[in-house]
Amino acid sequence: MARLLNDEEITRQLQQLPGWSRSEDAIVATIEAPDFPAAIRIVTAVADQAESMNHHPDIDIRWRTTHWLLTTHDAGGLTQLDIELAHVISDAARREGVQL
């Protein structure tokens, strides 16, 4: 099982993730894509990576706006997996022209 990150580690690593913030035992972001197909491409790109990591985000899609919530449920909080997946999501968004 992945190790829980402490508050200092979370704060420090979130500094490298523009648009992400902490919400209790999770990190969250709202990403607005240029259009609906771009939002779906972001989700699809993340889905492939998340599956390979065996770490799956909570995703809500409203037209071109995606809401992301990451936490490691079986660890009971935030782990390095959440930080790594947040980077994957941010990179996918940038490839679709999103400014974070």
N, C-alpha and C. Protein backbone atom coordinates (compact mmCIF):
# COMPACT_ATOMS: atom_id res chain seq x y z
N MET A 1 0.84 -1.18 0.00
CA MET A 1 0.00 0.00 0.00
C MET A 1 0.89 1.24 0.00
N ALA A 2 0.43 2.25 -0.68
CA ALA A 2 1.18 3.50 -0.77
C ALA A 2 1.17 4.24 0.56
N ARG A 3 2.26 4.96 0.84
CA ARG A 3 2.41 5.72 2.08
C ARG A 3 1.67 7.05 1.98
N LEU A 4 0.96 7.40 3.05
CA LEU A 4 0.30 8.69 3.09
C LEU A 4 1.33 9.81 3.14
N LEU A 5 1.07 10.88 2.40
CA LEU A 5 1.93 12.06 2.44
C LEU A 5 1.57 12.91 3.65
N ASN A 6 2.56 13.57 4.24
CA ASN A 6 2.26 14.48 5.34
C ASN A 6 1.91 15.85 4.78
N ASP A 7 1.42 16.73 5.64
CA ASP A 7 0.96 18.06 5.20
C ASP A 7 2.05 18.84 4.47
N GLU A 8 3.26 18.79 4.97
CA GLU A 8 4.37 19.52 4.34
C GLU A 8 4.64 19.00 2.94
N GLU A 9 4.64 17.68 2.78
CA GLU A 9 4.88 17.09 1.46
C GLU A 9 3.78 17.49 0.47
N ILE A 10 2.55 17.47 0.94
CA ILE A 10 1.42 17.84 0.07
C ILE A 10 1.54 19.29 -0.35
N THR A 11 1.77 20.18 0.59
CA THR A 11 1.88 21.61 0.30
C THR A 11 3.01 21.87 -0.69
N ARG A 12 4.15 21.26 -0.46
CA ARG A 12 5.31 21.47 -1.33
C ARG A 12 5.03 20.97 -2.75
N GLN A 13 4.42 19.81 -2.86
CA GLN A 13 4.20 19.25 -4.20
C GLN A 13 3.07 19.97 -4.94
N LEU A 14 2.10 20.50 -4.23
CA LEU A 14 1.03 21.25 -4.89
C LEU A 14 1.56 22.55 -5.50
N GLN A 15 2.68 23.05 -5.01
CA GLN A 15 3.28 24.25 -5.59
C GLN A 15 3.70 24.00 -7.04
N GLN A 16 3.92 22.74 -7.39
CA GLN A 16 4.32 22.38 -8.75
C GLN A 16 3.12 22.00 -9.61
N LEU A 17 1.90 22.16 -9.06
CA LEU A 17 0.69 21.78 -9.77
C LEU A 17 -0.30 22.94 -9.82
N PRO A 18 -0.08 23.91 -10.72
CA PRO A 18 -1.01 25.03 -10.83
C PRO A 18 -2.43 24.55 -11.09
N GLY A 19 -3.37 25.16 -10.41
CA GLY A 19 -4.78 24.82 -10.58
C GLY A 19 -5.28 23.72 -9.66
N TRP A 20 -4.37 23.08 -8.95
CA TRP A 20 -4.75 22.02 -8.01
C TRP A 20 -4.74 22.57 -6.59
N SER A 21 -5.67 22.07 -5.78
CA SER A 21 -5.72 22.47 -4.37
C SER A 21 -6.14 21.28 -3.53
N ARG A 22 -5.90 21.44 -2.25
CA ARG A 22 -6.27 20.38 -1.32
C ARG A 22 -7.69 20.59 -0.83
N SER A 23 -8.41 19.50 -0.73
CA SER A 23 -9.75 19.49 -0.16
C SER A 23 -9.83 18.29 0.78
N GLU A 24 -9.56 18.55 2.05
CA GLU A 24 -9.51 17.50 3.07
C GLU A 24 -8.50 16.42 2.67
N ASP A 25 -8.96 15.19 2.45
CA ASP A 25 -8.05 14.09 2.13
C ASP A 25 -7.93 13.85 0.63
N ALA A 26 -8.10 14.90 -0.16
CA ALA A 26 -8.04 14.79 -1.62
C ALA A 26 -7.38 16.03 -2.19
N ILE A 27 -7.01 15.93 -3.46
CA ILE A 27 -6.64 17.13 -4.22
C ILE A 27 -7.63 17.25 -5.37
N VAL A 28 -7.94 18.49 -5.72
CA VAL A 28 -8.99 18.74 -6.71
C VAL A 28 -8.53 19.80 -7.71
N ALA A 29 -9.13 19.72 -8.89
CA ALA A 29 -8.89 20.74 -9.93
C ALA A 29 -10.11 20.80 -10.83
N THR A 30 -10.34 21.98 -11.35
CA THR A 30 -11.35 22.19 -12.39
C THR A 30 -10.59 22.66 -13.62
N ILE A 31 -10.77 21.94 -14.71
CA ILE A 31 -10.06 22.23 -15.94
C ILE A 31 -11.08 22.49 -17.04
N GLU A 32 -10.98 23.67 -17.65
CA GLU A 32 -11.87 24.02 -18.74
C GLU A 32 -11.14 23.86 -20.06
N ALA A 33 -11.62 22.92 -20.86
CA ALA A 33 -11.03 22.64 -22.16
C ALA A 33 -11.58 23.62 -23.19
N PRO A 34 -10.92 23.73 -24.35
CA PRO A 34 -11.40 24.64 -25.39
C PRO A 34 -12.82 24.29 -25.89
N ASP A 35 -13.14 22.99 -25.91
CA ASP A 35 -14.46 22.55 -26.36
C ASP A 35 -14.72 21.15 -25.80
N PHE A 36 -15.93 20.64 -26.05
CA PHE A 36 -16.30 19.33 -25.51
C PHE A 36 -15.40 18.20 -26.02
N PRO A 37 -15.12 18.12 -27.34
CA PRO A 37 -14.23 17.04 -27.79
C PRO A 37 -12.85 17.09 -27.10
N ALA A 38 -12.32 18.28 -26.85
CA ALA A 38 -11.03 18.38 -26.17
C ALA A 38 -11.14 17.86 -24.73
N ALA A 39 -12.25 18.17 -24.07
CA ALA A 39 -12.46 17.67 -22.70
C ALA A 39 -12.47 16.14 -22.70
N ILE A 40 -13.13 15.55 -23.68
CA ILE A 40 -13.19 14.09 -23.77
C ILE A 40 -11.81 13.52 -24.08
N ARG A 41 -11.04 14.19 -24.92
CA ARG A 41 -9.68 13.72 -25.21
C ARG A 41 -8.81 13.74 -23.95
N ILE A 42 -8.97 14.76 -23.12
CA ILE A 42 -8.22 14.82 -21.85
C ILE A 42 -8.59 13.62 -20.99
N VAL A 43 -9.88 13.38 -20.85
CA VAL A 43 -10.34 12.25 -20.02
C VAL A 43 -9.82 10.93 -20.58
N THR A 44 -9.87 10.77 -21.90
CA THR A 44 -9.39 9.54 -22.52
C THR A 44 -7.90 9.33 -22.28
N ALA A 45 -7.12 10.39 -22.45
CA ALA A 45 -5.68 10.29 -22.21
C ALA A 45 -5.39 9.91 -20.76
N VAL A 46 -6.12 10.52 -19.86
CA VAL A 46 -5.92 10.22 -18.44
C VAL A 46 -6.38 8.80 -18.12
N ALA A 47 -7.46 8.35 -18.73
CA ALA A 47 -7.99 7.01 -18.46
C ALA A 47 -6.94 5.94 -18.76
N ASP A 48 -6.25 6.08 -19.87
CA ASP A 48 -5.23 5.10 -20.23
C ASP A 48 -4.10 5.06 -19.18
N GLN A 49 -3.64 6.25 -18.78
CA GLN A 49 -2.56 6.32 -17.79
C GLN A 49 -3.05 5.82 -16.42
N ALA A 50 -4.26 6.23 -16.03
CA ALA A 50 -4.80 5.81 -14.73
C ALA A 50 -4.93 4.29 -14.66
N GLU A 51 -5.37 3.71 -15.76
CA GLU A 51 -5.50 2.25 -15.79
C GLU A 51 -4.14 1.58 -15.62
N SER A 52 -3.13 2.10 -16.30
CA SER A 52 -1.80 1.51 -16.17
C SER A 52 -1.22 1.68 -14.77
N MET A 53 -1.64 2.77 -14.08
CA MET A 53 -1.19 3.01 -12.71
C MET A 53 -2.05 2.26 -11.69
N ASN A 54 -3.18 1.73 -12.14
CA ASN A 54 -4.19 1.14 -11.26
C ASN A 54 -4.60 2.16 -10.19
N HIS A 55 -4.81 3.39 -10.64
CA HIS A 55 -5.18 4.49 -9.74
C HIS A 55 -6.14 5.39 -10.51
N HIS A 56 -7.39 5.43 -10.07
CA HIS A 56 -8.44 6.02 -10.88
C HIS A 56 -9.04 7.27 -10.24
N PRO A 57 -9.13 8.36 -11.00
CA PRO A 57 -9.67 9.61 -10.46
C PRO A 57 -11.19 9.62 -10.48
N ASP A 58 -11.77 10.47 -9.64
CA ASP A 58 -13.19 10.78 -9.75
C ASP A 58 -13.28 11.95 -10.73
N ILE A 59 -14.10 11.79 -11.76
CA ILE A 59 -14.21 12.79 -12.83
C ILE A 59 -15.66 13.18 -13.03
N ASP A 60 -15.89 14.47 -13.15
CA ASP A 60 -17.21 14.99 -13.49
C ASP A 60 -17.03 15.87 -14.73
N ILE A 61 -17.82 15.62 -15.77
CA ILE A 61 -17.71 16.39 -17.01
C ILE A 61 -19.01 17.15 -17.22
N ARG A 62 -18.88 18.45 -17.41
CA ARG A 62 -20.02 19.32 -17.72
C ARG A 62 -19.61 20.14 -18.93
N TRP A 63 -20.10 19.75 -20.10
CA TRP A 63 -19.76 20.35 -21.37
C TRP A 63 -18.25 20.33 -21.54
N ARG A 64 -17.57 21.46 -21.49
CA ARG A 64 -16.12 21.48 -21.69
C ARG A 64 -15.36 21.60 -20.39
N THR A 65 -16.06 21.57 -19.26
CA THR A 65 -15.44 21.71 -17.95
C THR A 65 -15.35 20.35 -17.27
N THR A 66 -14.14 20.00 -16.85
CA THR A 66 -13.94 18.75 -16.12
C THR A 66 -13.52 19.07 -14.69
N HIS A 67 -14.09 18.31 -13.76
CA HIS A 67 -13.75 18.44 -12.35
C HIS A 67 -13.08 17.12 -11.95
N TRP A 68 -11.95 17.24 -11.28
CA TRP A 68 -11.13 16.08 -10.92
C TRP A 68 -10.95 16.03 -9.42
N LEU A 69 -11.05 14.84 -8.84
CA LEU A 69 -10.79 14.61 -7.42
C LEU A 69 -9.90 13.38 -7.32
N LEU A 70 -8.77 13.54 -6.63
CA LEU A 70 -7.82 12.44 -6.46
C LEU A 70 -7.60 12.18 -4.98
N THR A 71 -7.69 10.93 -4.62
CA THR A 71 -7.34 10.46 -3.28
C THR A 71 -7.04 8.98 -3.40
N THR A 72 -6.27 8.47 -2.49
CA THR A 72 -5.98 7.03 -2.49
C THR A 72 -6.89 6.39 -1.45
N HIS A 73 -8.02 5.89 -1.92
CA HIS A 73 -9.06 5.38 -1.02
C HIS A 73 -8.55 4.30 -0.07
N ASP A 74 -7.80 3.34 -0.61
CA ASP A 74 -7.36 2.24 0.26
C ASP A 74 -6.29 2.66 1.26
N ALA A 75 -5.66 3.81 1.05
CA ALA A 75 -4.69 4.32 2.03
C ALA A 75 -5.34 5.32 2.99
N GLY A 76 -6.53 5.79 2.65
CA GLY A 76 -7.23 6.73 3.51
C GLY A 76 -6.76 8.16 3.41
N GLY A 77 -6.24 8.56 2.25
CA GLY A 77 -5.78 9.94 2.10
C GLY A 77 -4.91 10.10 0.87
N LEU A 78 -4.04 11.09 0.93
CA LEU A 78 -3.21 11.44 -0.22
C LEU A 78 -1.88 10.70 -0.21
N THR A 79 -1.53 10.16 -1.37
CA THR A 79 -0.25 9.48 -1.54
C THR A 79 0.44 10.05 -2.78
N GLN A 80 1.64 9.58 -3.02
CA GLN A 80 2.39 10.02 -4.19
C GLN A 80 1.66 9.67 -5.48
N LEU A 81 0.87 8.61 -5.46
CA LEU A 81 0.08 8.25 -6.64
C LEU A 81 -0.83 9.39 -7.06
N ASP A 82 -1.42 10.08 -6.10
CA ASP A 82 -2.32 11.20 -6.41
C ASP A 82 -1.56 12.34 -7.06
N ILE A 83 -0.39 12.62 -6.54
CA ILE A 83 0.44 13.69 -7.11
C ILE A 83 0.86 13.34 -8.53
N GLU A 84 1.29 12.10 -8.74
CA GLU A 84 1.71 11.66 -10.07
C GLU A 84 0.55 11.73 -11.06
N LEU A 85 -0.63 11.31 -10.63
CA LEU A 85 -1.78 11.34 -11.53
C LEU A 85 -2.21 12.78 -11.81
N ALA A 86 -2.08 13.67 -10.85
CA ALA A 86 -2.39 15.09 -11.09
C ALA A 86 -1.47 15.65 -12.18
N HIS A 87 -0.20 15.26 -12.17
CA HIS A 87 0.72 15.69 -13.23
C HIS A 87 0.29 15.14 -14.59
N VAL A 88 -0.16 13.90 -14.61
CA VAL A 88 -0.64 13.29 -15.85
C VAL A 88 -1.84 14.08 -16.39
N ILE A 89 -2.77 14.42 -15.50
CA ILE A 89 -3.97 15.18 -15.89
C ILE A 89 -3.57 16.55 -16.42
N SER A 90 -2.70 17.23 -15.71
CA SER A 90 -2.26 18.56 -16.13
C SER A 90 -1.55 18.50 -17.48
N ASP A 91 -0.71 17.51 -17.68
CA ASP A 91 -0.01 17.36 -18.96
C ASP A 91 -1.00 17.10 -20.10
N ALA A 92 -2.00 16.26 -19.85
CA ALA A 92 -3.01 15.98 -20.87
C ALA A 92 -3.78 17.25 -21.22
N ALA A 93 -4.09 18.05 -20.21
CA ALA A 93 -4.82 19.30 -20.44
C ALA A 93 -3.97 20.27 -21.26
N ARG A 94 -2.69 20.37 -20.94
CA ARG A 94 -1.81 21.27 -21.69
C ARG A 94 -1.72 20.87 -23.16
N ARG A 95 -1.69 19.57 -23.42
CA ARG A 95 -1.62 19.09 -24.81
C ARG A 95 -2.87 19.50 -25.60
N GLU A 96 -3.96 19.76 -24.89
CA GLU A 96 -5.20 20.21 -25.54
C GLU A 96 -5.32 21.73 -25.53
N GLY A 97 -4.26 22.41 -25.16
CA GLY A 97 -4.25 23.88 -25.23
C GLY A 97 -4.74 24.59 -23.98
N VAL A 98 -4.92 23.86 -22.90
CA VAL A 98 -5.37 24.47 -21.65
C VAL A 98 -4.20 25.16 -20.97
N GLN A 99 -4.40 26.39 -20.54
CA GLN A 99 -3.40 27.12 -19.77
C GLN A 99 -3.69 26.90 -18.29
N LEU A 100 -2.76 26.31 -17.57
CA LEU A 100 -2.95 26.06 -16.13
C LEU A 100 -2.17 27.06 -15.32
